[in-house]
Amino acid sequence: MLDLSRQKSGLDMHAQRGSVLIEAMVALVIFSMGVLALVGLQSAMIKNSSDNRYRAEAQLIAQTHIANMMAYGANAANYITQVDKDKIKTQLPNGTLAFSALTNSMVTVTVGWQVPGGNRHQVNASSYLFDVMP
């Protein structure tokens, strides 16, 4: 009877041979999928973070130009002609800067940018300049 139990346990051991390897491989696949998901999440967070940084920078540039035009008062049109529009390319990727015509003391500053391989974005800031004479 003792021999039967040994034979039976020997068969069980032979049937389970390699199961630890399979379990380890399954655990490795599950772990790898989790790591890939975290890397994808981090990539999306970095992209959104840089998009928000560019948007904040563009808004700051637009508001700064409006504040400077307010400081120039009646000479706001002269300020627009003195602005170095190429400087924005050093501040934002593929940056553009545009001013609307001064009509009824209203001006709009448009700042645009485009990250390589991304969509074109723009921010507009408008204000009334009460001291401007057409």
C-alpha atoms as a PDB file:
ATOM      1  CA  MET A   1       0.000   0.000   0.000  1.00  0.00           C
ATOM      2  CA  LEU A   2       2.893   2.249   0.664  1.00  0.00           C
ATOM      3  CA  ASP A   3       4.116   1.721  -2.854  1.00  0.00           C
ATOM      4  CA  LEU A   4       0.772   2.833  -4.300  1.00  0.00           C
ATOM      5  CA  SER A   5       0.851   6.123  -2.466  1.00  0.00           C
ATOM      6  CA  ARG A   6       4.381   6.749  -3.714  1.00  0.00           C
ATOM      7  CA  GLN A   7       3.358   6.031  -7.252  1.00  0.00           C
ATOM      8  CA  LYS A   8       0.339   8.293  -6.942  1.00  0.00           C
ATOM      9  CA  SER A   9       2.352  11.174  -5.510  1.00  0.00           C
ATOM     10  CA  GLY A  10       4.980  10.597  -8.180  1.00  0.00           C
ATOM     11  CA  LEU A  11       2.317  11.018 -10.852  1.00  0.00           C
ATOM     12  CA  ASP A  12       1.072  14.197  -9.196  1.00  0.00           C
ATOM     13  CA  MET A  13       4.594  15.593  -9.145  1.00  0.00           C
ATOM     14  CA  HIS A  14       5.081  14.711 -12.801  1.00  0.00           C
ATOM     15  CA  ALA A  15       1.749  16.374 -13.738  1.00  0.00           C
ATOM     16  CA  GLN A  16       2.670  19.570 -11.883  1.00  0.00           C
ATOM     17  CA  ARG A  17       6.126  19.830 -13.397  1.00  0.00           C
ATOM     18  CA  GLY A  18       6.506  23.313 -15.028  1.00  0.00           C
ATOM     19  CA  SER A  19       3.445  24.851 -13.354  1.00  0.00           C
ATOM     20  CA  VAL A  20       5.626  27.204 -11.291  1.00  0.00           C
ATOM     21  CA  LEU A  21       7.238  28.448 -14.490  1.00  0.00           C
ATOM     22  CA  ILE A  22       3.832  29.083 -16.071  1.00  0.00           C
ATOM     23  CA  GLU A  23       2.612  30.900 -12.953  1.00  0.00           C
ATOM     24  CA  ALA A  24       5.743  33.042 -12.961  1.00  0.00           C
ATOM     25  CA  MET A  25       5.268  33.906 -16.640  1.00  0.00           C
ATOM     26  CA  VAL A  26       1.606  34.848 -16.087  1.00  0.00           C
ATOM     27  CA  ALA A  27       2.614  37.042 -13.124  1.00  0.00           C
ATOM     28  CA  LEU A  28       5.315  38.669 -15.268  1.00  0.00           C
ATOM     29  CA  VAL A  29       2.802  39.430 -18.047  1.00  0.00           C
ATOM     30  CA  ILE A  30       0.338  40.970 -15.567  1.00  0.00           C
ATOM     31  CA  PHE A  31       3.101  43.029 -13.955  1.00  0.00           C
ATOM     32  CA  SER A  32       4.336  44.195 -17.388  1.00  0.00           C
ATOM     33  CA  MET A  33       0.840  45.320 -18.379  1.00  0.00           C
ATOM     34  CA  GLY A  34       0.593  47.340 -15.169  1.00  0.00           C
ATOM     35  CA  VAL A  35       3.957  49.002 -15.799  1.00  0.00           C
ATOM     36  CA  LEU A  36       2.966  49.829 -19.384  1.00  0.00           C
ATOM     37  CA  ALA A  37      -0.282  51.369 -18.160  1.00  0.00           C
ATOM     38  CA  LEU A  38       1.646  53.546 -15.685  1.00  0.00           C
ATOM     39  CA  VAL A  39       4.089  54.647 -18.404  1.00  0.00           C
ATOM     40  CA  GLY A  40       1.155  55.575 -20.658  1.00  0.00           C
ATOM     41  CA  LEU A  41      -0.483  57.532 -17.856  1.00  0.00           C
ATOM     42  CA  GLN A  42       2.747  59.387 -17.119  1.00  0.00           C
ATOM     43  CA  SER A  43       3.166  60.207 -20.809  1.00  0.00           C
ATOM     44  CA  ALA A  44      -0.343  61.666 -20.985  1.00  0.00           C
ATOM     45  CA  MET A  45       0.266  63.696 -17.820  1.00  0.00           C
ATOM     46  CA  ILE A  46       3.498  65.151 -19.216  1.00  0.00           C
ATOM     47  CA  LYS A  47       1.774  66.105 -22.476  1.00  0.00           C
ATOM     48  CA  ASN A  48      -1.118  67.787 -20.660  1.00  0.00           C
ATOM     49  CA  SER A  49       1.283  69.542 -18.320  1.00  0.00           C
ATOM     50  CA  SER A  50       3.295  71.008 -21.187  1.00  0.00           C
ATOM     51  CA  ASP A  51       0.093  72.037 -23.014  1.00  0.00           C
ATOM     52  CA  ASN A  52      -1.061  73.899 -19.905  1.00  0.00           C
ATOM     53  CA  ARG A  53       2.368  75.504 -19.490  1.00  0.00           C
ATOM     54  CA  TYR A  54       2.306  76.807 -23.076  1.00  0.00           C
ATOM     55  CA  ARG A  55      -1.262  78.078 -22.635  1.00  0.00           C
ATOM     56  CA  ALA A  56      -0.324  79.943 -19.451  1.00  0.00           C
ATOM     57  CA  GLU A  57       2.785  81.391 -21.119  1.00  0.00           C
ATOM     58  CA  ALA A  58       0.738  82.539 -24.129  1.00  0.00           C
ATOM     59  CA  GLN A  59      -1.877  84.162 -21.887  1.00  0.00           C
ATOM     60  CA  LEU A  60       0.866  85.958 -19.936  1.00  0.00           C
ATOM     61  CA  ILE A  61       2.429  87.265 -23.160  1.00  0.00           C
ATOM     62  CA  ALA A  62      -0.926  88.529 -24.452  1.00  0.00           C
ATOM     63  CA  GLN A  63      -1.824  90.217 -21.143  1.00  0.00           C
ATOM     64  CA  THR A  64       1.640  91.807 -20.931  1.00  0.00           C
ATOM     65  CA  HIS A  65       1.241  93.374 -24.365  1.00  0.00           C
ATOM     66  CA  ILE A  66      -2.204  94.709 -23.465  1.00  0.00           C
ATOM     67  CA  ALA A  67      -0.834  96.178 -20.231  1.00  0.00           C
ATOM     68  CA  ASN A  68       2.021  97.813 -22.147  1.00  0.00           C
ATOM     69  CA  MET A  69      -0.439  99.313 -24.651  1.00  0.00           C
ATOM     70  CA  MET A  70      -2.482 100.693 -21.761  1.00  0.00           C
ATOM     71  CA  ALA A  71       0.691 102.237 -20.365  1.00  0.00           C
ATOM     72  CA  TYR A  72       1.433 103.844 -23.744  1.00  0.00           C
ATOM     73  CA  GLY A  73      -2.072 105.335 -23.796  1.00  0.00           C
ATOM     74  CA  ALA A  74      -2.504 107.447 -26.923  1.00  0.00           C
ATOM     75  CA  ASN A  75       0.721 106.021 -28.347  1.00  0.00           C
ATOM     76  CA  ALA A  76      -0.511 102.420 -28.300  1.00  0.00           C
ATOM     77  CA  ALA A  77      -0.324 102.259 -32.095  1.00  0.00           C
ATOM     78  CA  ASN A  78       3.367 103.203 -31.886  1.00  0.00           C
ATOM     79  CA  TYR A  79       3.922 100.453 -29.314  1.00  0.00           C
ATOM     80  CA  ILE A  80       2.504  97.883 -31.747  1.00  0.00           C
ATOM     81  CA  THR A  81       4.959  98.928 -34.460  1.00  0.00           C
ATOM     82  CA  GLN A  82       7.911  98.627 -32.039  1.00  0.00           C
ATOM     83  CA  VAL A  83       7.103  95.093 -30.825  1.00  0.00           C
ATOM     84  CA  ASP A  84       9.572  92.429 -31.957  1.00  0.00           C
ATOM     85  CA  LYS A  85       7.139  89.774 -33.190  1.00  0.00           C
ATOM     86  CA  ASP A  86       9.921  87.261 -33.835  1.00  0.00           C
ATOM     87  CA  LYS A  87      10.896  87.170 -30.144  1.00  0.00           C
ATOM     88  CA  ILE A  88       7.856  85.015 -29.388  1.00  0.00           C
ATOM     89  CA  LYS A  89       9.451  82.137 -31.309  1.00  0.00           C
ATOM     90  CA  THR A  90      11.988  81.861 -28.493  1.00  0.00           C
ATOM     91  CA  GLN A  91       9.209  81.793 -25.891  1.00  0.00           C
ATOM     92  CA  LEU A  92       6.771  79.345 -27.513  1.00  0.00           C
ATOM     93  CA  PRO A  93       7.301  76.584 -30.095  1.00  0.00           C
ATOM     94  CA  ASN A  94       6.416  77.964 -33.544  1.00  0.00           C
ATOM     95  CA  GLY A  95       5.000  81.017 -31.759  1.00  0.00           C
ATOM     96  CA  THR A  96       3.098  83.778 -33.518  1.00  0.00           C
ATOM     97  CA  LEU A  97       1.965  87.178 -32.287  1.00  0.00           C
ATOM     98  CA  ALA A  98      -0.717  89.330 -33.901  1.00  0.00           C
ATOM     99  CA  PHE A  99      -2.478  92.558 -32.960  1.00  0.00           C
ATOM    100  CA  SER A 100      -5.912  93.540 -34.225  1.00  0.00           C
ATOM    101  CA  ALA A 101      -6.480  97.001 -35.615  1.00  0.00           C
ATOM    102  CA  LEU A 102      -7.253  99.644 -33.015  1.00  0.00           C
ATOM    103  CA  THR A 103     -10.948 100.316 -33.536  1.00  0.00           C
ATOM    104  CA  ASN A 104     -13.124 102.137 -31.023  1.00  0.00           C
ATOM    105  CA  SER A 105     -10.249 101.868 -28.548  1.00  0.00           C
ATOM    106  CA  MET A 106     -10.532  98.055 -28.651  1.00  0.00           C
ATOM    107  CA  VAL A 107      -7.500  95.860 -29.259  1.00  0.00           C
ATOM    108  CA  THR A 108      -7.086  92.089 -29.411  1.00  0.00           C
ATOM    109  CA  VAL A 109      -3.757  90.349 -29.002  1.00  0.00           C
ATOM    110  CA  THR A 110      -3.550  86.840 -30.462  1.00  0.00           C
ATOM    111  CA  VAL A 111      -0.749  84.512 -29.423  1.00  0.00           C
ATOM    112  CA  GLY A 112      -0.426  81.189 -31.224  1.00  0.00           C
ATOM    113  CA  TRP A 113       1.858  78.171 -30.917  1.00  0.00           C
ATOM    114  CA  GLN A 114       2.232  74.664 -32.247  1.00  0.00           C
ATOM    115  CA  VAL A 115       4.169  71.841 -30.667  1.00  0.00           C
ATOM    116  CA  PRO A 116       5.917  69.717 -33.325  1.00  0.00           C
ATOM    117  CA  GLY A 117       3.524  66.991 -34.360  1.00  0.00           C
ATOM    118  CA  GLY A 118       0.635  68.628 -32.473  1.00  0.00           C
ATOM    119  CA  ASN A 119      -2.325  70.835 -33.249  1.00  0.00           C
ATOM    120  CA  ARG A 120      -2.160  74.608 -33.613  1.00  0.00           C
ATOM    121  CA  HIS A 121      -3.353  76.511 -30.515  1.00  0.00           C
ATOM    122  CA  GLN A 122      -4.047  80.175 -29.879  1.00  0.00           C
ATOM    123  CA  VAL A 123      -5.031  82.484 -27.071  1.00  0.00           C
ATOM    124  CA  ASN A 124      -6.815  85.816 -27.516  1.00  0.00           C
ATOM    125  CA  ALA A 125      -6.830  88.669 -25.054  1.00  0.00           C
ATOM    126  CA  SER A 126      -8.933  91.755 -25.679  1.00  0.00           C
ATOM    127  CA  SER A 127      -9.259  95.060 -23.902  1.00  0.00           C
ATOM    128  CA  TYR A 128     -10.487  98.618 -24.356  1.00  0.00           C
ATOM    129  CA  LEU A 129      -7.793 101.286 -24.443  1.00  0.00           C
ATOM    130  CA  PHE A 130      -9.644 104.468 -23.578  1.00  0.00           C
ATOM    131  CA  ASP A 131      -6.831 106.926 -24.304  1.00  0.00           C
ATOM    132  CA  VAL A 132      -6.246 105.822 -27.902  1.00  0.00           C
ATOM    133  CA  MET A 133      -6.963 108.349 -30.614  1.00  0.00           C
ATOM    134  CA  PRO A 134      -7.508 106.902 -34.093  1.00  0.00           C
END
